[in-house]
Protein backbone atom coordinates (compact mmCIF):
# COMPACT_ATOMS: atom_id res chain seq x y z
CA UNK A 1 0.00 0.00 0.00
CA UNK A 2 2.87 2.36 0.82
CA UNK A 3 4.37 1.65 -2.62
CA UNK A 4 1.08 2.59 -4.28
CA UNK A 5 0.93 5.90 -2.37
CA UNK A 6 4.56 6.56 -3.22
CA UNK A 7 4.03 5.91 -6.94
CA UNK A 8 0.91 8.09 -7.01
CA UNK A 9 2.62 10.91 -5.11
CA UNK A 10 5.63 10.79 -7.42
CA UNK A 11 3.45 10.78 -10.53
CA UNK A 12 1.37 13.73 -9.33
CA UNK A 13 4.43 15.65 -8.21
CA UNK A 14 6.25 14.99 -11.49
CA UNK A 15 3.19 16.08 -13.48
CA UNK A 16 2.86 19.29 -11.47
CA UNK A 17 6.55 20.06 -11.79
CA UNK A 18 6.63 19.32 -15.51
CA UNK A 19 3.62 21.56 -16.17
CA UNK A 20 5.07 24.42 -14.15
CA UNK A 21 8.53 24.01 -15.59
CA UNK A 22 7.62 23.79 -19.26
CA UNK A 23 9.32 27.13 -19.96
CA UNK A 24 12.41 26.42 -17.86
CA UNK A 25 14.48 23.59 -16.49
CA UNK A 26 13.39 22.52 -13.02
CA UNK A 27 15.01 21.68 -10.80
CA UNK A 28 18.40 23.17 -11.52
CA UNK A 29 19.54 23.14 -7.89
CA UNK A 30 18.84 21.31 -4.63
CA UNK A 31 15.21 21.11 -3.51
CA UNK A 32 14.50 21.06 0.23
CA UNK A 33 11.63 19.02 1.67
CA UNK A 34 10.98 20.58 5.08
CA UNK A 35 9.46 18.19 7.62
CA UNK A 36 8.02 19.91 10.72
CA UNK A 37 9.04 17.00 12.96
CA UNK A 38 12.18 15.37 14.31
CA UNK A 39 13.76 12.62 12.21
CA UNK A 40 12.29 9.13 12.36
CA UNK A 41 8.56 9.81 12.51
CA UNK A 42 6.02 9.00 9.82
CA UNK A 43 6.22 12.33 7.93
CA UNK A 44 10.02 12.01 7.88
CA UNK A 45 9.85 8.44 6.54
CA UNK A 46 7.46 9.49 3.75
CA UNK A 47 9.60 12.52 2.88
CA UNK A 48 12.83 10.50 2.73
CA UNK A 49 11.29 7.86 0.48
CA UNK A 50 9.97 10.52 -1.88
CA UNK A 51 13.22 12.53 -1.78
CA UNK A 52 15.24 9.48 -2.79
CA UNK A 53 13.00 8.71 -5.76
CA UNK A 54 12.75 12.34 -6.88
CA UNK A 55 16.52 12.73 -6.70
CA UNK A 56 16.84 9.68 -8.92
CA UNK A 57 14.14 10.76 -11.38
CA UNK A 58 14.84 14.49 -11.56
CA UNK A 59 18.64 14.43 -11.54
CA UNK A 60 18.97 17.00 -8.77
CA UNK A 61 19.20 16.46 -5.01
CA UNK A 62 15.97 16.49 -3.01
CA UNK A 63 17.00 16.70 0.64
CA UNK A 64 14.93 16.34 3.78
CA UNK A 65 15.34 19.08 6.36
CA UNK A 66 13.77 18.30 9.73
CA UNK A 67 12.57 21.35 11.68
CA UNK A 68 10.78 19.90 14.66
CA UNK A 69 9.32 21.91 17.50
CA UNK A 70 6.45 24.24 18.32
CA UNK A 71 3.93 21.87 16.74
CA UNK A 72 5.43 22.53 13.32
CA UNK A 73 4.74 26.26 13.48
CA UNK A 74 8.39 27.30 13.06
CA UNK A 75 8.84 25.07 10.01
CA UNK A 76 5.64 26.37 8.41
CA UNK A 77 6.63 29.98 9.05
CA UNK A 78 10.05 29.38 7.50
CA UNK A 79 8.58 27.77 4.37
CA UNK A 80 5.85 30.43 4.07
CA UNK A 81 8.53 33.16 4.13
CA UNK A 82 10.85 31.38 1.70
CA UNK A 83 11.17 32.36 -1.95
CA UNK A 84 8.12 30.90 -3.80
CA UNK A 85 10.31 29.23 -6.40
CA UNK A 86 9.56 25.55 -5.79
CA UNK A 87 12.90 24.84 -4.11
CA UNK A 88 11.57 24.81 -0.52
CA UNK A 89 8.66 22.43 -0.08
CA UNK A 90 6.73 21.59 3.08
CA UNK A 91 5.71 18.05 4.09
CA UNK A 92 3.01 18.88 6.68
CA UNK A 93 0.23 16.90 8.27
CA UNK A 94 -3.15 17.82 9.69
CA UNK A 95 -1.59 19.50 12.73
CA UNK A 96 0.07 22.24 10.69
CA UNK A 97 -2.73 22.75 8.18
CA UNK A 98 -5.87 22.43 10.33
CA UNK A 99 -5.22 22.01 14.05
CA UNK A 100 -2.68 24.80 14.57
CA UNK A 101 -4.82 27.42 12.80
CA UNK A 102 -7.77 26.39 14.99
CA UNK A 103 -5.73 26.54 18.21
CA UNK A 104 -3.59 29.59 17.45
CA UNK A 105 -5.52 32.37 15.67
CA UNK A 106 -2.45 34.62 15.23
CA UNK A 107 -0.10 32.32 13.30
CA UNK A 108 2.51 33.94 11.08
CA UNK A 109 1.36 31.67 8.25
CA UNK A 110 -1.97 30.98 6.58
CA UNK A 111 -2.30 27.38 5.37
CA UNK A 112 -4.67 28.41 2.58
CA UNK A 113 -2.87 31.52 1.29
CA UNK A 114 0.77 30.56 1.92
CA UNK A 115 0.79 26.98 0.60
CA UNK A 116 -0.41 25.36 -2.64
CA UNK A 117 -1.10 21.63 -2.39
CA UNK A 118 0.85 19.40 -4.75
CA UNK A 119 -0.15 15.90 -3.71
CA UNK A 120 -1.36 13.69 -0.90
CA UNK A 121 1.68 11.54 -0.24
CA UNK A 122 0.32 9.18 2.38
CA UNK A 123 -2.18 8.29 5.01
CA UNK A 124 -0.99 7.54 8.52
CA UNK A 125 -3.22 5.52 10.84
CA UNK A 126 -3.49 6.29 14.55
CA UNK A 127 -3.40 3.52 17.11
CA UNK A 128 -4.57 3.44 20.69
CA UNK A 129 -2.48 1.03 22.76
CA UNK A 130 -2.17 0.31 26.46
CA UNK A 131 0.34 -1.56 28.56
CA UNK A 132 -0.51 -5.30 28.59
CA UNK A 133 -0.65 -5.29 32.42
CA UNK A 134 -3.93 -3.32 32.20
CA UNK A 135 -5.57 -6.30 30.44
CA UNK A 136 -7.75 -4.01 28.32
CA UNK A 137 -8.97 -5.27 24.93
CA UNK A 138 -11.31 -2.49 23.76
CA UNK A 139 -12.08 1.21 24.05
CA UNK A 140 -15.18 0.56 26.22
CA UNK A 141 -12.98 -1.43 28.61
CA UNK A 142 -10.45 1.43 28.68
CA UNK A 143 -13.20 3.91 29.52
CA UNK A 144 -14.52 1.63 32.28
CA UNK A 145 -11.05 1.29 33.85
CA UNK A 146 -10.36 5.03 33.50
CA UNK A 147 -13.65 5.90 35.23
CA UNK A 148 -12.87 3.45 38.03
CA UNK A 149 -9.41 4.98 38.50
CA UNK A 150 -9.93 8.73 37.95
CA UNK A 151 -6.77 10.71 37.37
CA UNK A 152 -4.50 7.65 37.33
CA UNK A 153 -4.20 6.95 33.60
CA UNK A 154 -2.03 9.24 31.50
CA UNK A 155 -1.18 9.15 27.83
CA UNK A 156 1.66 10.07 25.49
CA UNK A 157 1.35 11.61 22.03
CA UNK A 158 3.62 13.13 19.41
CA UNK A 159 3.08 16.58 20.90
CA UNK A 160 0.64 19.23 21.98
CA UNK A 161 -1.73 20.06 19.15
CA UNK A 162 -1.15 16.77 17.31
CA UNK A 163 -4.21 14.88 16.12
CA UNK A 164 -3.59 12.19 18.75
CA UNK A 165 -3.39 14.87 21.46
CA UNK A 166 -6.66 16.48 20.38
CA UNK A 167 -8.42 13.12 20.23
CA UNK A 168 -7.17 12.10 23.68
CA UNK A 169 -8.16 15.46 25.17
CA UNK A 170 -11.72 14.80 24.00
CA UNK A 171 -11.83 11.64 26.11
CA UNK A 172 -13.09 13.09 29.39
CA UNK A 173 -12.46 9.93 31.40
CA UNK A 174 -8.66 10.16 31.13
CA UNK A 175 -6.41 12.36 33.20
CA UNK A 176 -5.66 15.73 31.67
CA UNK A 177 -2.05 15.16 32.68
CA UNK A 178 -0.45 14.17 29.41
CA UNK A 179 2.76 12.27 30.02
CA UNK A 180 5.44 14.67 28.74
CA UNK A 181 7.81 13.15 26.22
CA UNK A 182 10.94 14.34 24.57
CA UNK A 183 10.15 14.58 20.87
CA UNK A 184 11.51 11.64 18.92
CA UNK A 185 10.11 8.99 16.65
CA UNK A 186 8.96 6.60 19.40
CA UNK A 187 6.40 9.15 20.63
CA UNK A 188 4.53 8.81 17.33
CA UNK A 189 3.26 11.40 14.91
C-alpha atoms as a PDB file:
ATOM      1  CA  UNK A   1       0.000   0.000   0.000  1.00  0.00           C
ATOM      2  CA  UNK A   2       2.868   2.364   0.816  1.00  0.00           C
ATOM      3  CA  UNK A   3       4.374   1.650  -2.615  1.00  0.00           C
ATOM      4  CA  UNK A   4       1.081   2.587  -4.284  1.00  0.00           C
ATOM      5  CA  UNK A   5       0.930   5.896  -2.369  1.00  0.00           C
ATOM      6  CA  UNK A   6       4.561   6.563  -3.219  1.00  0.00           C
ATOM      7  CA  UNK A   7       4.030   5.913  -6.940  1.00  0.00           C
ATOM      8  CA  UNK A   8       0.906   8.095  -7.010  1.00  0.00           C
ATOM      9  CA  UNK A   9       2.624  10.906  -5.107  1.00  0.00           C
ATOM     10  CA  UNK A  10       5.632  10.791  -7.421  1.00  0.00           C
ATOM     11  CA  UNK A  11       3.453  10.780 -10.527  1.00  0.00           C
ATOM     12  CA  UNK A  12       1.366  13.728  -9.333  1.00  0.00           C
ATOM     13  CA  UNK A  13       4.427  15.649  -8.211  1.00  0.00           C
ATOM     14  CA  UNK A  14       6.254  14.994 -11.494  1.00  0.00           C
ATOM     15  CA  UNK A  15       3.190  16.081 -13.482  1.00  0.00           C
ATOM     16  CA  UNK A  16       2.861  19.290 -11.474  1.00  0.00           C
ATOM     17  CA  UNK A  17       6.555  20.062 -11.791  1.00  0.00           C
ATOM     18  CA  UNK A  18       6.625  19.324 -15.515  1.00  0.00           C
ATOM     19  CA  UNK A  19       3.624  21.557 -16.170  1.00  0.00           C
ATOM     20  CA  UNK A  20       5.073  24.422 -14.152  1.00  0.00           C
ATOM     21  CA  UNK A  21       8.531  24.009 -15.586  1.00  0.00           C
ATOM     22  CA  UNK A  22       7.617  23.790 -19.257  1.00  0.00           C
ATOM     23  CA  UNK A  23       9.323  27.127 -19.965  1.00  0.00           C
ATOM     24  CA  UNK A  24      12.405  26.420 -17.855  1.00  0.00           C
ATOM     25  CA  UNK A  25      14.481  23.594 -16.494  1.00  0.00           C
ATOM     26  CA  UNK A  26      13.389  22.516 -13.017  1.00  0.00           C
ATOM     27  CA  UNK A  27      15.007  21.676 -10.802  1.00  0.00           C
ATOM     28  CA  UNK A  28      18.404  23.165 -11.522  1.00  0.00           C
ATOM     29  CA  UNK A  29      19.539  23.141  -7.889  1.00  0.00           C
ATOM     30  CA  UNK A  30      18.842  21.315  -4.625  1.00  0.00           C
ATOM     31  CA  UNK A  31      15.207  21.115  -3.507  1.00  0.00           C
ATOM     32  CA  UNK A  32      14.502  21.061   0.230  1.00  0.00           C
ATOM     33  CA  UNK A  33      11.634  19.021   1.669  1.00  0.00           C
ATOM     34  CA  UNK A  34      10.978  20.580   5.075  1.00  0.00           C
ATOM     35  CA  UNK A  35       9.456  18.191   7.619  1.00  0.00           C
ATOM     36  CA  UNK A  36       8.021  19.912  10.724  1.00  0.00           C
ATOM     37  CA  UNK A  37       9.043  17.000  12.964  1.00  0.00           C
ATOM     38  CA  UNK A  38      12.179  15.365  14.314  1.00  0.00           C
ATOM     39  CA  UNK A  39      13.762  12.616  12.211  1.00  0.00           C
ATOM     40  CA  UNK A  40      12.294   9.127  12.358  1.00  0.00           C
ATOM     41  CA  UNK A  41       8.561   9.805  12.508  1.00  0.00           C
ATOM     42  CA  UNK A  42       6.018   9.001   9.824  1.00  0.00           C
ATOM     43  CA  UNK A  43       6.219  12.329   7.933  1.00  0.00           C
ATOM     44  CA  UNK A  44      10.019  12.006   7.882  1.00  0.00           C
ATOM     45  CA  UNK A  45       9.852   8.436   6.536  1.00  0.00           C
ATOM     46  CA  UNK A  46       7.460   9.488   3.750  1.00  0.00           C
ATOM     47  CA  UNK A  47       9.600  12.521   2.883  1.00  0.00           C
ATOM     48  CA  UNK A  48      12.832  10.498   2.734  1.00  0.00           C
ATOM     49  CA  UNK A  49      11.286   7.857   0.478  1.00  0.00           C
ATOM     50  CA  UNK A  50       9.971  10.522  -1.876  1.00  0.00           C
ATOM     51  CA  UNK A  51      13.217  12.528  -1.777  1.00  0.00           C
ATOM     52  CA  UNK A  52      15.244   9.477  -2.790  1.00  0.00           C
ATOM     53  CA  UNK A  53      12.998   8.714  -5.757  1.00  0.00           C
ATOM     54  CA  UNK A  54      12.748  12.341  -6.880  1.00  0.00           C
ATOM     55  CA  UNK A  55      16.524  12.728  -6.698  1.00  0.00           C
ATOM     56  CA  UNK A  56      16.844   9.683  -8.923  1.00  0.00           C
ATOM     57  CA  UNK A  57      14.142  10.758 -11.384  1.00  0.00           C
ATOM     58  CA  UNK A  58      14.840  14.487 -11.558  1.00  0.00           C
ATOM     59  CA  UNK A  59      18.642  14.433 -11.544  1.00  0.00           C
ATOM     60  CA  UNK A  60      18.973  16.998  -8.768  1.00  0.00           C
ATOM     61  CA  UNK A  61      19.198  16.462  -5.007  1.00  0.00           C
ATOM     62  CA  UNK A  62      15.969  16.487  -3.011  1.00  0.00           C
ATOM     63  CA  UNK A  63      17.004  16.696   0.640  1.00  0.00           C
ATOM     64  CA  UNK A  64      14.934  16.343   3.782  1.00  0.00           C
ATOM     65  CA  UNK A  65      15.341  19.080   6.363  1.00  0.00           C
ATOM     66  CA  UNK A  66      13.774  18.303   9.730  1.00  0.00           C
ATOM     67  CA  UNK A  67      12.574  21.346  11.681  1.00  0.00           C
ATOM     68  CA  UNK A  68      10.779  19.901  14.664  1.00  0.00           C
ATOM     69  CA  UNK A  69       9.324  21.909  17.504  1.00  0.00           C
ATOM     70  CA  UNK A  70       6.446  24.235  18.316  1.00  0.00           C
ATOM     71  CA  UNK A  71       3.930  21.865  16.740  1.00  0.00           C
ATOM     72  CA  UNK A  72       5.434  22.532  13.319  1.00  0.00           C
ATOM     73  CA  UNK A  73       4.740  26.258  13.476  1.00  0.00           C
ATOM     74  CA  UNK A  74       8.391  27.300  13.062  1.00  0.00           C
ATOM     75  CA  UNK A  75       8.838  25.067  10.011  1.00  0.00           C
ATOM     76  CA  UNK A  76       5.640  26.369   8.409  1.00  0.00           C
ATOM     77  CA  UNK A  77       6.628  29.979   9.045  1.00  0.00           C
ATOM     78  CA  UNK A  78      10.052  29.381   7.497  1.00  0.00           C
ATOM     79  CA  UNK A  79       8.584  27.769   4.366  1.00  0.00           C
ATOM     80  CA  UNK A  80       5.849  30.429   4.074  1.00  0.00           C
ATOM     81  CA  UNK A  81       8.525  33.162   4.134  1.00  0.00           C
ATOM     82  CA  UNK A  82      10.853  31.376   1.700  1.00  0.00           C
ATOM     83  CA  UNK A  83      11.169  32.358  -1.946  1.00  0.00           C
ATOM     84  CA  UNK A  84       8.119  30.905  -3.797  1.00  0.00           C
ATOM     85  CA  UNK A  85      10.305  29.233  -6.405  1.00  0.00           C
ATOM     86  CA  UNK A  86       9.565  25.545  -5.794  1.00  0.00           C
ATOM     87  CA  UNK A  87      12.897  24.840  -4.110  1.00  0.00           C
ATOM     88  CA  UNK A  88      11.574  24.807  -0.523  1.00  0.00           C
ATOM     89  CA  UNK A  89       8.660  22.426  -0.084  1.00  0.00           C
ATOM     90  CA  UNK A  90       6.727  21.588   3.082  1.00  0.00           C
ATOM     91  CA  UNK A  91       5.712  18.052   4.094  1.00  0.00           C
ATOM     92  CA  UNK A  92       3.006  18.884   6.680  1.00  0.00           C
ATOM     93  CA  UNK A  93       0.230  16.898   8.275  1.00  0.00           C
ATOM     94  CA  UNK A  94      -3.152  17.817   9.687  1.00  0.00           C
ATOM     95  CA  UNK A  95      -1.587  19.497  12.726  1.00  0.00           C
ATOM     96  CA  UNK A  96       0.074  22.245  10.694  1.00  0.00           C
ATOM     97  CA  UNK A  97      -2.735  22.754   8.183  1.00  0.00           C
ATOM     98  CA  UNK A  98      -5.873  22.433  10.330  1.00  0.00           C
ATOM     99  CA  UNK A  99      -5.224  22.011  14.047  1.00  0.00           C
ATOM    100  CA  UNK A 100      -2.679  24.804  14.574  1.00  0.00           C
ATOM    101  CA  UNK A 101      -4.824  27.416  12.802  1.00  0.00           C
ATOM    102  CA  UNK A 102      -7.766  26.392  14.992  1.00  0.00           C
ATOM    103  CA  UNK A 103      -5.731  26.542  18.206  1.00  0.00           C
ATOM    104  CA  UNK A 104      -3.593  29.594  17.447  1.00  0.00           C
ATOM    105  CA  UNK A 105      -5.519  32.374  15.669  1.00  0.00           C
ATOM    106  CA  UNK A 106      -2.454  34.618  15.229  1.00  0.00           C
ATOM    107  CA  UNK A 107      -0.103  32.322  13.304  1.00  0.00           C
ATOM    108  CA  UNK A 108       2.506  33.935  11.079  1.00  0.00           C
ATOM    109  CA  UNK A 109       1.356  31.666   8.247  1.00  0.00           C
ATOM    110  CA  UNK A 110      -1.974  30.978   6.583  1.00  0.00           C
ATOM    111  CA  UNK A 111      -2.298  27.384   5.368  1.00  0.00           C
ATOM    112  CA  UNK A 112      -4.673  28.414   2.583  1.00  0.00           C
ATOM    113  CA  UNK A 113      -2.865  31.520   1.295  1.00  0.00           C
ATOM    114  CA  UNK A 114       0.766  30.557   1.922  1.00  0.00           C
ATOM    115  CA  UNK A 115       0.792  26.979   0.598  1.00  0.00           C
ATOM    116  CA  UNK A 116      -0.405  25.364  -2.636  1.00  0.00           C
ATOM    117  CA  UNK A 117      -1.104  21.629  -2.392  1.00  0.00           C
ATOM    118  CA  UNK A 118       0.847  19.396  -4.754  1.00  0.00           C
ATOM    119  CA  UNK A 119      -0.154  15.905  -3.708  1.00  0.00           C
ATOM    120  CA  UNK A 120      -1.361  13.694  -0.904  1.00  0.00           C
ATOM    121  CA  UNK A 121       1.682  11.537  -0.235  1.00  0.00           C
ATOM    122  CA  UNK A 122       0.323   9.178   2.376  1.00  0.00           C
ATOM    123  CA  UNK A 123      -2.184   8.293   5.008  1.00  0.00           C
ATOM    124  CA  UNK A 124      -0.986   7.542   8.518  1.00  0.00           C
ATOM    125  CA  UNK A 125      -3.225   5.524  10.840  1.00  0.00           C
ATOM    126  CA  UNK A 126      -3.493   6.290  14.546  1.00  0.00           C
ATOM    127  CA  UNK A 127      -3.396   3.516  17.109  1.00  0.00           C
ATOM    128  CA  UNK A 128      -4.572   3.444  20.695  1.00  0.00           C
ATOM    129  CA  UNK A 129      -2.485   1.026  22.756  1.00  0.00           C
ATOM    130  CA  UNK A 130      -2.166   0.314  26.459  1.00  0.00           C
ATOM    131  CA  UNK A 131       0.342  -1.557  28.564  1.00  0.00           C
ATOM    132  CA  UNK A 132      -0.511  -5.300  28.591  1.00  0.00           C
ATOM    133  CA  UNK A 133      -0.651  -5.289  32.415  1.00  0.00           C
ATOM    134  CA  UNK A 134      -3.928  -3.325  32.198  1.00  0.00           C
ATOM    135  CA  UNK A 135      -5.574  -6.299  30.439  1.00  0.00           C
ATOM    136  CA  UNK A 136      -7.754  -4.009  28.320  1.00  0.00           C
ATOM    137  CA  UNK A 137      -8.966  -5.271  24.929  1.00  0.00           C
ATOM    138  CA  UNK A 138     -11.310  -2.492  23.759  1.00  0.00           C
ATOM    139  CA  UNK A 139     -12.082   1.208  24.053  1.00  0.00           C
ATOM    140  CA  UNK A 140     -15.178   0.563  26.216  1.00  0.00           C
ATOM    141  CA  UNK A 141     -12.978  -1.431  28.614  1.00  0.00           C
ATOM    142  CA  UNK A 142     -10.447   1.432  28.684  1.00  0.00           C
ATOM    143  CA  UNK A 143     -13.202   3.912  29.522  1.00  0.00           C
ATOM    144  CA  UNK A 144     -14.525   1.628  32.279  1.00  0.00           C
ATOM    145  CA  UNK A 145     -11.053   1.294  33.854  1.00  0.00           C
ATOM    146  CA  UNK A 146     -10.359   5.030  33.504  1.00  0.00           C
ATOM    147  CA  UNK A 147     -13.647   5.900  35.226  1.00  0.00           C
ATOM    148  CA  UNK A 148     -12.873   3.450  38.027  1.00  0.00           C
ATOM    149  CA  UNK A 149      -9.408   4.978  38.503  1.00  0.00           C
ATOM    150  CA  UNK A 150      -9.931   8.733  37.952  1.00  0.00           C
ATOM    151  CA  UNK A 151      -6.769  10.715  37.365  1.00  0.00           C
ATOM    152  CA  UNK A 152      -4.504   7.647  37.325  1.00  0.00           C
ATOM    153  CA  UNK A 153      -4.198   6.949  33.597  1.00  0.00           C
ATOM    154  CA  UNK A 154      -2.032   9.238  31.504  1.00  0.00           C
ATOM    155  CA  UNK A 155      -1.182   9.152  27.829  1.00  0.00           C
ATOM    156  CA  UNK A 156       1.659  10.070  25.488  1.00  0.00           C
ATOM    157  CA  UNK A 157       1.352  11.609  22.027  1.00  0.00           C
ATOM    158  CA  UNK A 158       3.617  13.125  19.414  1.00  0.00           C
ATOM    159  CA  UNK A 159       3.079  16.580  20.895  1.00  0.00           C
ATOM    160  CA  UNK A 160       0.638  19.229  21.984  1.00  0.00           C
ATOM    161  CA  UNK A 161      -1.727  20.060  19.148  1.00  0.00           C
ATOM    162  CA  UNK A 162      -1.151  16.768  17.315  1.00  0.00           C
ATOM    163  CA  UNK A 163      -4.205  14.880  16.121  1.00  0.00           C
ATOM    164  CA  UNK A 164      -3.587  12.185  18.751  1.00  0.00           C
ATOM    165  CA  UNK A 165      -3.387  14.869  21.462  1.00  0.00           C
ATOM    166  CA  UNK A 166      -6.660  16.483  20.380  1.00  0.00           C
ATOM    167  CA  UNK A 167      -8.423  13.117  20.232  1.00  0.00           C
ATOM    168  CA  UNK A 168      -7.172  12.101  23.675  1.00  0.00           C
ATOM    169  CA  UNK A 169      -8.164  15.460  25.174  1.00  0.00           C
ATOM    170  CA  UNK A 170     -11.720  14.803  23.996  1.00  0.00           C
ATOM    171  CA  UNK A 171     -11.832  11.636  26.108  1.00  0.00           C
ATOM    172  CA  UNK A 172     -13.091  13.091  29.389  1.00  0.00           C
ATOM    173  CA  UNK A 173     -12.456   9.931  31.402  1.00  0.00           C
ATOM    174  CA  UNK A 174      -8.663  10.162  31.134  1.00  0.00           C
ATOM    175  CA  UNK A 175      -6.410  12.361  33.205  1.00  0.00           C
ATOM    176  CA  UNK A 176      -5.665  15.735  31.667  1.00  0.00           C
ATOM    177  CA  UNK A 177      -2.048  15.158  32.676  1.00  0.00           C
ATOM    178  CA  UNK A 178      -0.455  14.170  29.412  1.00  0.00           C
ATOM    179  CA  UNK A 179       2.759  12.265  30.020  1.00  0.00           C
ATOM    180  CA  UNK A 180       5.440  14.673  28.741  1.00  0.00           C
ATOM    181  CA  UNK A 181       7.809  13.147  26.224  1.00  0.00           C
ATOM    182  CA  UNK A 182      10.941  14.339  24.571  1.00  0.00           C
ATOM    183  CA  UNK A 183      10.150  14.576  20.871  1.00  0.00           C
ATOM    184  CA  UNK A 184      11.512  11.637  18.919  1.00  0.00           C
ATOM    185  CA  UNK A 185      10.111   8.987  16.652  1.00  0.00           C
ATOM    186  CA  UNK A 186       8.965   6.598  19.405  1.00  0.00           C
ATOM    187  CA  UNK A 187       6.395   9.146  20.629  1.00  0.00           C
ATOM    188  CA  UNK A 188       4.534   8.806  17.330  1.00  0.00           C
ATOM    189  CA  UNK A 189       3.259  11.402  14.906  1.00  0.00           C
END
